[in-house]
PDB file of all heavy atoms in Angstrom:
ATOM      1  N   ARG A   1      -6.613   3.119  -0.238  1.00  0.00           N
ATOM      2  CA  ARG A   1      -5.291   3.649   0.221  1.00  0.00           C
ATOM      3  C   ARG A   1      -4.620   2.860   1.406  1.00  0.00           C
ATOM      4  O   ARG A   1      -5.396   2.456   2.304  1.00  0.00           O
ATOM      5  CB  ARG A   1      -5.583   5.041   0.756  1.00  0.00           C
ATOM      6  CG  ARG A   1      -4.218   5.939   1.089  1.00  0.00           C
ATOM      7  CD  ARG A   1      -4.609   7.253   1.621  1.00  0.00           C
ATOM      8  NE  ARG A   1      -5.467   7.272   2.689  1.00  0.00           N
ATOM      9  CZ  ARG A   1      -5.251   7.132   4.038  1.00  0.00           C
ATOM     10  NH1 ARG A   1      -3.949   6.973   4.417  1.00  0.00           N
ATOM     11  NH2 ARG A   1      -6.071   7.224   5.058  1.00  0.00           N
ATOM     12  N   TYR A   2      -3.351   2.639   1.277  1.00  0.00           N
ATOM     13  CA  TYR A   2      -2.575   2.005   2.221  1.00  0.00           C
ATOM     14  C   TYR A   2      -1.394   2.730   2.767  1.00  0.00           C
ATOM     15  O   TYR A   2      -0.918   3.722   2.038  1.00  0.00           O
ATOM     16  CB  TYR A   2      -2.006   0.659   1.560  1.00  0.00           C
ATOM     17  CG  TYR A   2      -3.141  -0.339   0.994  1.00  0.00           C
ATOM     18  CD1 TYR A   2      -3.599  -0.009  -0.234  1.00  0.00           C
ATOM     19  CD2 TYR A   2      -3.530  -1.410   1.839  1.00  0.00           C
ATOM     20  CE1 TYR A   2      -4.497  -0.967  -0.734  1.00  0.00           C
ATOM     21  CE2 TYR A   2      -4.679  -2.149   1.282  1.00  0.00           C
ATOM     22  CZ  TYR A   2      -5.048  -1.991  -0.007  1.00  0.00           C
ATOM     23  OH  TYR A   2      -6.056  -2.785  -0.479  1.00  0.00           O
ATOM     24  N   GLN A   3      -0.864   2.561   4.007  1.00  0.00           N
ATOM     25  CA  GLN A   3       0.186   3.258   4.593  1.00  0.00           C
ATOM     26  C   GLN A   3       1.311   2.421   4.787  1.00  0.00           C
ATOM     27  O   GLN A   3       1.171   1.332   5.507  1.00  0.00           O
ATOM     28  CB  GLN A   3      -0.393   4.034   5.780  1.00  0.00           C
ATOM     29  CG  GLN A   3      -1.368   5.003   5.490  1.00  0.00           C
ATOM     30  CD  GLN A   3      -1.699   5.863   6.810  1.00  0.00           C
ATOM     31  OE1 GLN A   3      -1.745   5.294   7.986  1.00  0.00           O
ATOM     32  NE2 GLN A   3      -2.084   7.142   6.460  1.00  0.00           N
ATOM     33  N   ILE A   4       2.526   2.958   4.477  1.00  0.00           N
ATOM     34  CA  ILE A   4       3.856   2.160   4.876  1.00  0.00           C
ATOM     35  C   ILE A   4       4.566   3.155   5.754  1.00  0.00           C
ATOM     36  O   ILE A   4       5.013   4.170   5.307  1.00  0.00           O
ATOM     37  CB  ILE A   4       4.674   1.897   3.636  1.00  0.00           C
ATOM     38  CG1 ILE A   4       3.836   1.140   2.600  1.00  0.00           C
ATOM     39  CG2 ILE A   4       5.888   0.999   4.091  1.00  0.00           C
ATOM     40  CD1 ILE A   4       4.556   1.171   1.292  1.00  0.00           C
ATOM     41  N   PRO A   5       4.750   2.777   7.089  1.00  0.00           N
ATOM     42  CA  PRO A   5       5.444   3.652   8.032  1.00  0.00           C
ATOM     43  C   PRO A   5       6.989   3.657   7.514  1.00  0.00           C
ATOM     44  O   PRO A   5       7.507   2.706   7.090  1.00  0.00           O
ATOM     45  CB  PRO A   5       5.413   2.950   9.317  1.00  0.00           C
ATOM     46  CG  PRO A   5       4.176   2.043   9.265  1.00  0.00           C
ATOM     47  CD  PRO A   5       4.034   1.639   7.744  1.00  0.00           C
ATOM     48  N   VAL A   6       7.545   4.792   7.708  1.00  0.00           N
ATOM     49  CA  VAL A   6       9.069   4.930   7.456  1.00  0.00           C
ATOM     50  C   VAL A   6       9.735   4.521   8.765  1.00  0.00           C
ATOM     51  O   VAL A   6      10.002   5.346   9.585  1.00  0.00           O
ATOM     52  CB  VAL A   6       9.354   6.360   7.092  1.00  0.00           C
ATOM     53  CG1 VAL A   6      10.844   6.583   6.863  1.00  0.00           C
ATOM     54  CG2 VAL A   6       8.598   6.849   5.831  1.00  0.00           C
ATOM     55  N   ASP A   7       9.964   3.251   8.942  1.00  0.00           N
ATOM     56  CA  ASP A   7      10.516   2.663  10.092  1.00  0.00           C
ATOM     57  C   ASP A   7      11.571   1.621   9.966  1.00  0.00           C
ATOM     58  O   ASP A   7      11.791   0.820  10.837  1.00  0.00           O
ATOM     59  CB  ASP A   7       9.418   2.214  11.043  1.00  0.00           C
ATOM     60  CG  ASP A   7       8.629   0.999  10.464  1.00  0.00           C
ATOM     61  OD1 ASP A   7       8.807   0.611   9.293  1.00  0.00           O
ATOM     62  OD2 ASP A   7       7.554   0.596  11.102  1.00  0.00           O
ATOM     63  N   ASP A   8      12.053   1.467   8.769  1.00  0.00           N
ATOM     64  CA  ASP A   8      13.053   0.403   8.475  1.00  0.00           C
ATOM     65  C   ASP A   8      12.490  -1.019   8.663  1.00  0.00           C
ATOM     66  O   ASP A   8      13.268  -1.986   8.878  1.00  0.00           O
ATOM     67  CB  ASP A   8      14.338   0.551   9.283  1.00  0.00           C
ATOM     68  CG  ASP A   8      15.129   1.828   8.957  1.00  0.00           C
ATOM     69  OD1 ASP A   8      15.039   2.206   7.698  1.00  0.00           O
ATOM     70  OD2 ASP A   8      15.698   2.485   9.774  1.00  0.00           O
ATOM     71  N   GLN A   9      11.228  -1.278   8.585  1.00  0.00           N
ATOM     72  CA  GLN A   9      10.662  -2.509   8.735  1.00  0.00           C
ATOM     73  C   GLN A   9       9.996  -2.887   7.553  1.00  0.00           C
ATOM     74  O   GLN A   9       9.552  -2.005   6.645  1.00  0.00           O
ATOM     75  CB  GLN A   9       9.625  -2.556   9.972  1.00  0.00           C
ATOM     76  CG  GLN A   9      10.217  -2.204  11.245  1.00  0.00           C
ATOM     77  CD  GLN A   9      11.238  -3.194  11.793  1.00  0.00           C
ATOM     78  OE1 GLN A   9      10.904  -4.366  11.675  1.00  0.00           O
ATOM     79  NE2 GLN A   9      12.348  -2.656  12.268  1.00  0.00           N
ATOM     80  N   ASN A  10       9.670  -4.321   7.312  1.00  0.00           N
ATOM     81  CA  ASN A  10       8.854  -4.678   6.176  1.00  0.00           C
ATOM     82  C   ASN A  10       7.434  -4.778   6.580  1.00  0.00           C
ATOM     83  O   ASN A  10       7.126  -5.053   7.781  1.00  0.00           O
ATOM     84  CB  ASN A  10       9.323  -6.128   5.789  1.00  0.00           C
ATOM     85  CG  ASN A  10      10.717  -6.109   5.128  1.00  0.00           C
ATOM     86  OD1 ASN A  10      11.384  -5.105   4.891  1.00  0.00           O
ATOM     87  ND2 ASN A  10      11.329  -7.366   5.190  1.00  0.00           N
ATOM     88  N   HIS A  11       6.557  -4.374   5.611  1.00  0.00           N
ATOM     89  CA  HIS A  11       5.115  -4.321   5.978  1.00  0.00           C
ATOM     90  C   HIS A  11       4.333  -5.116   4.950  1.00  0.00           C
ATOM     91  O   HIS A  11       4.495  -4.781   3.778  1.00  0.00           O
ATOM     92  CB  HIS A  11       4.543  -2.915   6.124  1.00  0.00           C
ATOM     93  CG  HIS A  11       5.239  -2.289   7.206  1.00  0.00           C
ATOM     94  ND1 HIS A  11       4.849  -2.304   8.534  1.00  0.00           N
ATOM     95  CD2 HIS A  11       6.364  -1.401   7.297  1.00  0.00           C
ATOM     96  CE1 HIS A  11       5.651  -1.475   9.226  1.00  0.00           C
ATOM     97  NE2 HIS A  11       6.587  -0.931   8.489  1.00  0.00           N
ATOM     98  N   ARG A  12       3.523  -6.039   5.367  1.00  0.00           N
ATOM     99  CA  ARG A  12       2.739  -6.898   4.438  1.00  0.00           C
ATOM    100  C   ARG A  12       1.346  -6.344   4.170  1.00  0.00           C
ATOM    101  O   ARG A  12       0.659  -5.935   5.130  1.00  0.00           O
ATOM    102  CB  ARG A  12       2.690  -8.242   4.922  1.00  0.00           C
ATOM    103  CG  ARG A  12       3.939  -8.984   4.699  1.00  0.00           C
ATOM    104  CD  ARG A  12       3.821 -10.541   4.979  1.00  0.00           C
ATOM    105  NE  ARG A  12       5.100 -11.221   4.761  1.00  0.00           N
ATOM    106  CZ  ARG A  12       5.277 -12.507   4.971  1.00  0.00           C
ATOM    107  NH1 ARG A  12       4.285 -13.259   5.271  1.00  0.00           N
ATOM    108  NH2 ARG A  12       6.531 -12.928   4.736  1.00  0.00           N
ATOM    109  N   PHE A  13       0.901  -6.461   3.017  1.00  0.00           N
ATOM    110  CA  PHE A  13      -0.425  -6.022   2.566  1.00  0.00           C
ATOM    111  C   PHE A  13      -1.026  -7.042   1.619  1.00  0.00           C
ATOM    112  O   PHE A  13      -0.275  -7.611   0.795  1.00  0.00           O
ATOM    113  CB  PHE A  13      -0.437  -4.631   1.858  1.00  0.00           C
ATOM    114  CG  PHE A  13       0.297  -3.637   2.699  1.00  0.00           C
ATOM    115  CD1 PHE A  13       1.722  -3.352   2.601  1.00  0.00           C
ATOM    116  CD2 PHE A  13      -0.498  -2.674   3.418  1.00  0.00           C
ATOM    117  CE1 PHE A  13       2.238  -2.353   3.323  1.00  0.00           C
ATOM    118  CE2 PHE A  13       0.187  -1.708   4.295  1.00  0.00           C
ATOM    119  CZ  PHE A  13       1.495  -1.542   4.053  1.00  0.00           C
ATOM    120  N   THR A  14      -2.317  -7.131   1.705  1.00  0.00           N
ATOM    121  CA  THR A  14      -2.984  -8.044   0.736  1.00  0.00           C
ATOM    122  C   THR A  14      -3.850  -7.053  -0.159  1.00  0.00           C
ATOM    123  O   THR A  14      -4.682  -6.422   0.341  1.00  0.00           O
ATOM    124  CB  THR A  14      -4.060  -9.041   1.464  1.00  0.00           C
ATOM    125  OG1 THR A  14      -3.341  -9.887   2.275  1.00  0.00           O
ATOM    126  CG2 THR A  14      -4.752  -9.949   0.369  1.00  0.00           C
ATOM    127  N   ILE A  15      -3.442  -6.889  -1.440  1.00  0.00           N
ATOM    128  CA  ILE A  15      -3.984  -6.125  -2.352  1.00  0.00           C
ATOM    129  C   ILE A  15      -4.418  -6.770  -3.633  1.00  0.00           C
ATOM    130  O   ILE A  15      -4.134  -7.925  -3.760  1.00  0.00           O
ATOM    131  CB  ILE A  15      -3.056  -4.891  -2.703  1.00  0.00           C
ATOM    132  CG1 ILE A  15      -1.811  -5.505  -3.452  1.00  0.00           C
ATOM    133  CG2 ILE A  15      -2.602  -4.178  -1.475  1.00  0.00           C
ATOM    134  CD1 ILE A  15      -0.869  -4.341  -3.992  1.00  0.00           C
ATOM    135  N   GLY A  16      -5.226  -6.083  -4.423  1.00  0.00           N
ATOM    136  CA  GLY A  16      -5.459  -6.557  -5.845  1.00  0.00           C
ATOM    137  C   GLY A  16      -4.479  -6.040  -6.785  1.00  0.00           C
ATOM    138  O   GLY A  16      -3.321  -6.069  -6.440  1.00  0.00           O
ATOM    139  N   ARG A  17      -4.960  -5.394  -7.824  1.00  0.00           N
ATOM    140  CA  ARG A  17      -4.035  -4.899  -8.826  1.00  0.00           C
ATOM    141  C   ARG A  17      -3.390  -3.613  -8.272  1.00  0.00           C
ATOM    142  O   ARG A  17      -3.861  -2.818  -7.694  1.00  0.00           O
ATOM    143  CB  ARG A  17      -4.788  -4.463 -10.119  1.00  0.00           C
ATOM    144  CG  ARG A  17      -3.981  -4.358 -11.335  1.00  0.00           C
ATOM    145  CD  ARG A  17      -4.871  -4.246 -12.543  1.00  0.00           C
ATOM    146  NE  ARG A  17      -6.069  -3.345 -12.446  1.00  0.00           N
ATOM    147  CZ  ARG A  17      -5.951  -2.072 -12.538  1.00  0.00           C
ATOM    148  NH1 ARG A  17      -4.909  -1.532 -13.028  1.00  0.00           N
ATOM    149  NH2 ARG A  17      -7.057  -1.271 -12.458  1.00  0.00           N
ATOM    150  N   GLY A  18      -2.115  -3.601  -8.513  1.00  0.00           N
ATOM    151  CA  GLY A  18      -1.320  -2.326  -8.121  1.00  0.00           C
ATOM    152  C   GLY A  18      -0.039  -2.578  -7.386  1.00  0.00           C
ATOM    153  O   GLY A  18       0.444  -3.816  -7.606  1.00  0.00           O
ATOM    154  N   PRO A  19       0.739  -1.714  -6.869  1.00  0.00           N
ATOM    155  CA  PRO A  19       0.177  -0.347  -6.538  1.00  0.00           C
ATOM    156  C   PRO A  19       0.081   0.554  -7.847  1.00  0.00           C
ATOM    157  O   PRO A  19       0.812   0.368  -8.710  1.00  0.00           O
ATOM    158  CB  PRO A  19       1.332   0.158  -5.586  1.00  0.00           C
ATOM    159  CG  PRO A  19       2.019  -1.116  -5.130  1.00  0.00           C
ATOM    160  CD  PRO A  19       1.887  -2.088  -6.158  1.00  0.00           C
ATOM    161  N   LEU A  20      -0.845   1.455  -7.543  1.00  0.00           N
ATOM    162  CA  LEU A  20      -1.140   2.422  -8.739  1.00  0.00           C
ATOM    163  C   LEU A  20      -0.374   3.740  -8.555  1.00  0.00           C
ATOM    164  O   LEU A  20      -0.076   4.313  -9.623  1.00  0.00           O
ATOM    165  CB  LEU A  20      -2.520   2.698  -8.825  1.00  0.00           C
ATOM    166  CG  LEU A  20      -3.554   1.425  -8.953  1.00  0.00           C
ATOM    167  CD1 LEU A  20      -4.915   1.827  -8.786  1.00  0.00           C
ATOM    168  CD2 LEU A  20      -3.218   0.606 -10.142  1.00  0.00           C
ATOM    169  N   HIS A  21      -0.118   4.221  -7.336  1.00  0.00           N
ATOM    170  CA  HIS A  21       0.478   5.502  -7.242  1.00  0.00           C
ATOM    171  C   HIS A  21       1.188   5.598  -5.714  1.00  0.00           C
ATOM    172  O   HIS A  21       0.502   4.979  -4.857  1.00  0.00           O
ATOM    173  CB  HIS A  21      -0.551   6.642  -7.323  1.00  0.00           C
ATOM    174  CG  HIS A  21       0.046   8.005  -7.099  1.00  0.00           C
ATOM    175  ND1 HIS A  21       0.896   8.625  -8.056  1.00  0.00           N
ATOM    176  CD2 HIS A  21      -0.090   8.839  -6.074  1.00  0.00           C
ATOM    177  CE1 HIS A  21       1.195   9.693  -7.589  1.00  0.00           C
ATOM    178  NE2 HIS A  21       0.667   9.940  -6.430  1.00  0.00           N
ATOM    179  N   PHE A  22       2.143   6.213  -5.568  1.00  0.00           N
ATOM    180  CA  PHE A  22       2.803   6.438  -4.275  1.00  0.00           C
ATOM    181  C   PHE A  22       2.852   8.015  -3.926  1.00  0.00           C
ATOM    182  O   PHE A  22       3.032   8.770  -4.837  1.00  0.00           O
ATOM    183  CB  PHE A  22       4.229   5.909  -4.240  1.00  0.00           C
ATOM    184  CG  PHE A  22       4.373   4.414  -4.179  1.00  0.00           C
ATOM    185  CD1 PHE A  22       4.431   3.754  -5.469  1.00  0.00           C
ATOM    186  CD2 PHE A  22       4.390   3.644  -3.067  1.00  0.00           C
ATOM    187  CE1 PHE A  22       4.490   2.407  -5.386  1.00  0.00           C
ATOM    188  CE2 PHE A  22       4.444   2.321  -3.103  1.00  0.00           C
ATOM    189  CZ  PHE A  22       4.490   1.685  -4.320  1.00  0.00           C
ATOM    190  N   ALA A  23       2.685   8.350  -2.737  1.00  0.00           N
ATOM    191  CA  ALA A  23       2.701   9.757  -2.225  1.00  0.00           C
ATOM    192  C   ALA A  23       3.128   9.786  -0.897  1.00  0.00           C
ATOM    193  O   ALA A  23       3.224   8.755  -0.116  1.00  0.00           O
ATOM    194  CB  ALA A  23       1.432  10.464  -2.436  1.00  0.00           C
ATOM    195  N   CYS A  24       3.518  10.985  -0.411  1.00  0.00           N
ATOM    196  CA  CYS A  24       3.955  11.230   0.998  1.00  0.00           C
ATOM    197  C   CYS A  24       3.316  12.463   1.475  1.00  0.00           C
ATOM    198  O   CYS A  24       3.812  13.581   1.065  1.00  0.00           O
ATOM    199  CB  CYS A  24       5.304  11.179   1.202  1.00  0.00           C
ATOM    200  SG  CYS A  24       6.004  11.291   2.891  1.00  0.00           S
ATOM    201  N   ARG A  25       2.139  12.415   2.047  1.00  0.00           N
ATOM    202  CA  ARG A  25       1.483  13.651   2.533  1.00  0.00           C
ATOM    203  C   ARG A  25       1.723  14.043   3.858  1.00  0.00           C
ATOM    204  O   ARG A  25       1.295  15.118   4.302  1.00  0.00           O
ATOM    205  CB  ARG A  25      -0.102  13.557   2.162  1.00  0.00           C
ATOM    206  CG  ARG A  25      -0.326  13.270   0.776  1.00  0.00           C
ATOM    207  CD  ARG A  25      -1.732  13.192   0.430  1.00  0.00           C
ATOM    208  NE  ARG A  25      -2.301  12.114   1.108  1.00  0.00           N
ATOM    209  CZ  ARG A  25      -3.777  11.760   1.335  1.00  0.00           C
ATOM    210  NH1 ARG A  25      -4.553  12.688   0.776  1.00  0.00           N
ATOM    211  NH2 ARG A  25      -4.195  10.815   1.975  1.00  0.00           N
ATOM    212  N   GLN A  26       2.319  13.212   4.676  1.00  0.00           N
ATOM    213  CA  GLN A  26       2.621  13.532   6.136  1.00  0.00           C
ATOM    214  C   GLN A  26       3.997  12.840   6.433  1.00  0.00           C
ATOM    215  O   GLN A  26       4.333  11.865   5.864  1.00  0.00           O
ATOM    216  CB  GLN A  26       1.558  12.955   7.018  1.00  0.00           C
ATOM    217  CG  GLN A  26       1.316  11.507   7.036  1.00  0.00           C
ATOM    218  CD  GLN A  26       0.263  11.052   8.004  1.00  0.00           C
ATOM    219  OE1 GLN A  26       0.233  11.645   9.033  1.00  0.00           O
ATOM    220  NE2 GLN A  26      -0.601  10.048   7.610  1.00  0.00           N
ATOM    221  N   ASP A  27       4.709  13.454   7.362  1.00  0.00           N
ATOM    222  CA  ASP A  27       6.100  13.005   7.701  1.00  0.00           C
ATOM    223  C   ASP A  27       5.924  11.616   8.275  1.00  0.00           C
ATOM    224  O   ASP A  27       5.032  11.306   9.045  1.00  0.00           O
ATOM    225  CB  ASP A  27       6.629  13.950   8.772  1.00  0.00           C
ATOM    226  CG  ASP A  27       7.154  15.160   8.191  1.00  0.00           C
ATOM    227  OD1 ASP A  27       7.383  15.266   6.881  1.00  0.00           O
ATOM    228  OD2 ASP A  27       7.140  16.241   8.902  1.00  0.00           O
ATOM    229  N   GLY A  28       6.836  10.726   7.894  1.00  0.00           N
ATOM    230  CA  GLY A  28       6.953   9.288   8.465  1.00  0.00           C
ATOM    231  C   GLY A  28       5.978   8.311   7.954  1.00  0.00           C
ATOM    232  O   GLY A  28       5.888   7.193   8.412  1.00  0.00           O
ATOM    233  N   VAL A  29       5.233   8.646   6.881  1.00  0.00           N
ATOM    234  CA  VAL A  29       4.383   7.599   6.174  1.00  0.00           C
ATOM    235  C   VAL A  29       4.306   7.908   4.743  1.00  0.00           C
ATOM    236  O   VAL A  29       4.198   9.019   4.254  1.00  0.00           O
ATOM    237  CB  VAL A  29       2.939   7.863   6.803  1.00  0.00           C
ATOM    238  CG1 VAL A  29       1.993   6.900   6.119  1.00  0.00           C
ATOM    239  CG2 VAL A  29       2.880   7.639   8.281  1.00  0.00           C
ATOM    240  N   VAL A  30       4.572   6.729   4.078  1.00  0.00           N
ATOM    241  CA  VAL A  30       4.462   6.761   2.514  1.00  0.00           C
ATOM    242  C   VAL A  30       3.115   6.015   2.282  1.00  0.00           C
ATOM    243  O   VAL A  30       2.872   4.990   2.851  1.00  0.00           O
ATOM    244  CB  VAL A  30       5.605   6.100   1.931  1.00  0.00           C
ATOM    245  CG1 VAL A  30       5.415   5.835   0.363  1.00  0.00           C
ATOM    246  CG2 VAL A  30       6.903   6.874   2.084  1.00  0.00           C
ATOM    247  N   GLU A  31       2.378   6.692   1.467  1.00  0.00           N
ATOM    248  CA  GLU A  31       1.069   5.941   1.161  1.00  0.00           C
ATOM    249  C   GLU A  31       1.030   5.476  -0.405  1.00  0.00           C
ATOM    250  O   GLU A  31       1.882   5.885  -1.108  1.00  0.00           O
ATOM    251  CB  GLU A  31      -0.116   7.058   1.213  1.00  0.00           C
ATOM    252  CG  GLU A  31      -0.213   7.763   2.558  1.00  0.00           C
ATOM    253  CD  GLU A  31      -1.200   8.948   2.442  1.00  0.00           C
ATOM    254  OE1 GLU A  31      -0.638   9.996   1.632  1.00  0.00           O
ATOM    255  OE2 GLU A  31      -2.162   8.903   2.928  1.00  0.00           O
ATOM    256  N   PHE A  32       0.159   4.406  -0.426  1.00  0.00           N
ATOM    257  CA  PHE A  32       0.090   4.065  -1.854  1.00  0.00           C
ATOM    258  C   PHE A  32      -1.336   3.569  -2.101  1.00  0.00           C
ATOM    259  O   PHE A  32      -2.088   3.276  -1.270  1.00  0.00           O
ATOM    260  CB  PHE A  32       1.110   2.829  -2.331  1.00  0.00           C
ATOM    261  CG  PHE A  32       0.716   1.457  -1.602  1.00  0.00           C
ATOM    262  CD1 PHE A  32      -0.029   0.563  -2.252  1.00  0.00           C
ATOM    263  CD2 PHE A  32       1.375   1.179  -0.342  1.00  0.00           C
ATOM    264  CE1 PHE A  32      -0.204  -0.656  -1.631  1.00  0.00           C
ATOM    265  CE2 PHE A  32       1.039  -0.132   0.278  1.00  0.00           C
ATOM    266  CZ  PHE A  32       0.286  -0.990  -0.393  1.00  0.00           C
ATOM    267  N   TRP A  33      -1.759   3.709  -3.290  1.00  0.00           N
ATOM    268  CA  TRP A  33      -3.113   3.362  -3.683  1.00  0.00           C
ATOM    269  C   TRP A  33      -3.059   2.066  -4.558  1.00  0.00           C
ATOM    270  O   TRP A  33      -2.269   1.926  -5.496  1.00  0.00           O
ATOM    271  CB  TRP A  33      -3.753   4.531  -4.462  1.00  0.00           C
ATOM    272  CG  TRP A  33      -4.153   5.657  -3.649  1.00  0.00           C
ATOM    273  CD1 TRP A  33      -5.351   5.880  -3.000  1.00  0.00           C
ATOM    274  CD2 TRP A  33      -3.281   6.598  -3.024  1.00  0.00           C
ATOM    275  NE1 TRP A  33      -5.291   6.956  -2.228  1.00  0.00           N
ATOM    276  CE2 TRP A  33      -4.115   7.484  -2.177  1.00  0.00           C
ATOM    277  CE3 TRP A  33      -1.912   6.859  -3.158  1.00  0.00           C
ATOM    278  CZ2 TRP A  33      -3.536   8.454  -1.500  1.00  0.00           C
ATOM    279  CZ3 TRP A  33      -1.347   7.989  -2.465  1.00  0.00           C
ATOM    280  CH2 TRP A  33      -2.147   8.819  -1.705  1.00  0.00           C
ATOM    281  N   ALA A  34      -3.955   1.168  -4.312  1.00  0.00           N
ATOM    282  CA  ALA A  34      -4.055  -0.053  -5.099  1.00  0.00           C
ATOM    283  C   ALA A  34      -5.547  -0.555  -5.105  1.00  0.00           C
ATOM    284  O   ALA A  34      -6.261  -0.141  -4.170  1.00  0.00           O
ATOM    285  CB  ALA A  34      -3.196  -1.218  -4.497  1.00  0.00           C
ATOM    286  N   CYS A  35      -5.705  -1.379  -6.011  1.00  0.00           N
ATOM    287  CA  CYS A  35      -7.188  -1.946  -6.136  1.00  0.00           C
ATOM    288  C   CYS A  35      -7.324  -2.926  -4.900  1.00  0.00           C
ATOM    289  O   CYS A  35      -6.364  -3.593  -4.602  1.00  0.00           O
ATOM    290  CB  CYS A  35      -7.392  -2.660  -7.430  1.00  0.00           C
ATOM    291  SG  CYS A  35      -7.460  -1.533  -8.854  1.00  0.00           S
ATOM    292  N   ALA A  36      -8.544  -2.817  -4.368  1.00  0.00           N
ATOM    293  CA  ALA A  36      -8.766  -3.760  -3.280  1.00  0.00           C
ATOM    294  C   ALA A  36      -8.836  -5.234  -3.760  1.00  0.00           C
ATOM    295  O   ALA A  36      -9.010  -5.469  -4.849  1.00  0.00           O
ATOM    296  CB  ALA A  36     -10.153  -3.409  -2.734  1.00  0.00           C
ATOM    297  N   PRO A  37      -8.424  -6.039  -2.737  1.00  0.00           N
ATOM    298  CA  PRO A  37      -8.332  -7.564  -3.131  1.00  0.00           C
ATOM    299  C   PRO A  37      -9.721  -7.970  -3.542  1.00  0.00           C
ATOM    300  O   PRO A  37     -10.828  -7.498  -2.847  1.00  0.00           O
ATOM    301  CB  PRO A  37      -7.781  -8.158  -1.933  1.00  0.00           C
ATOM    302  CG  PRO A  37      -7.940  -7.246  -0.786  1.00  0.00           C
ATOM    303  CD  PRO A  37      -7.950  -5.854  -1.404  1.00  0.00           C
ATOM    304  N   THR A  38      -9.937  -8.956  -4.292  1.00  0.00           N
ATOM    305  CA  THR A  38     -11.219  -9.570  -4.699  1.00  0.00           C
ATOM    306  C   THR A  38     -10.995 -11.102  -4.631  1.00  0.00           C
ATOM    307  O   THR A  38      -9.978 -11.564  -4.301  1.00  0.00           O
ATOM    308  CB  THR A  38     -11.751  -9.171  -6.010  1.00  0.00           C
ATOM    309  OG1 THR A  38     -10.748  -9.648  -7.044  1.00  0.00           O
ATOM    310  CG2 THR A  38     -11.694  -7.588  -6.256  1.00  0.00           C
ATOM    311  N   ASP A  39     -12.204 -11.766  -4.906  1.00  0.00           N
ATOM    312  CA  ASP A  39     -12.073 -13.239  -4.969  1.00  0.00           C
ATOM    313  C   ASP A  39     -11.146 -13.680  -6.045  1.00  0.00           C
ATOM    314  O   ASP A  39     -10.590 -14.804  -5.937  1.00  0.00           O
ATOM    315  CB  ASP A  39     -13.389 -13.822  -5.149  1.00  0.00           C
ATOM    316  CG  ASP A  39     -14.321 -13.554  -3.876  1.00  0.00           C
ATOM    317  OD1 ASP A  39     -13.806 -13.576  -2.726  1.00  0.00           O
ATOM    318  OD2 ASP A  39     -15.552 -13.698  -4.083  1.00  0.00           O
ATOM    319  N   SER A  40     -11.065 -12.860  -6.989  1.00  0.00           N
ATOM    320  CA  SER A  40     -10.176 -13.334  -8.233  1.00  0.00           C
ATOM    321  C   SER A  40      -8.740 -12.916  -8.129  1.00  0.00           C
ATOM    322  O   SER A  40      -7.812 -13.495  -8.753  1.00  0.00           O
ATOM    323  CB  SER A  40     -10.752 -12.903  -9.575  1.00  0.00           C
ATOM    324  OG  SER A  40     -10.822 -11.537  -9.554  1.00  0.00           O
ATOM    325  N   ILE A  41      -8.436 -11.715  -7.463  1.00  0.00           N
ATOM    326  CA  ILE A  41      -7.146 -11.155  -7.337  1.00  0.00           C
ATOM    327  C   ILE A  41      -6.911 -10.728  -5.867  1.00  0.00           C
ATOM    328  O   ILE A  41      -7.501  -9.760  -5.472  1.00  0.00           O
ATOM    329  CB  ILE A  41      -6.849  -9.997  -8.336  1.00  0.00           C
ATOM    330  CG1 ILE A  41      -7.044 -10.407  -9.796  1.00  0.00           C
ATOM    331  CG2 ILE A  41      -5.399  -9.490  -8.035  1.00  0.00           C
ATOM    332  CD1 ILE A  41      -6.873  -9.289 -10.648  1.00  0.00           C
ATOM    333  N   ALA A  42      -6.063 -11.461  -5.161  1.00  0.00           N
ATOM    334  CA  ALA A  42      -5.576 -11.157  -3.877  1.00  0.00           C
ATOM    335  C   ALA A  42      -4.199 -11.623  -3.694  1.00  0.00           C
ATOM    336  O   ALA A  42      -3.954 -12.696  -3.559  1.00  0.00           O
ATOM    337  CB  ALA A  42      -6.541 -11.902  -2.733  1.00  0.00           C
ATOM    338  N   LEU A  43      -3.352 -10.505  -3.661  1.00  0.00           N
ATOM    339  CA  LEU A  43      -1.913 -10.768  -3.814  1.00  0.00           C
ATOM    340  C   LEU A  43      -1.289 -10.223  -2.336  1.00  0.00           C
ATOM    341  O   LEU A  43      -1.538  -9.152  -1.953  1.00  0.00           O
ATOM    342  CB  LEU A  43      -1.106  -9.946  -4.747  1.00  0.00           C
ATOM    343  CG  LEU A  43      -1.768 -10.323  -6.309  1.00  0.00           C
ATOM    344  CD1 LEU A  43      -1.123  -9.305  -7.281  1.00  0.00           C
ATOM    345  CD2 LEU A  43      -1.456 -11.680  -6.630  1.00  0.00           C
TER     346      LEU A  43
END
């Protein structure tokens, strides 16, 4: 699970395959789920 703050800024993440799903369970943060980076896939 990764979190993107709602703050008008760009945020970088190193992930594997995905994002798979987006949700917002708390104010001010959008979450997304993605496969963890591996030796073969790290984007």
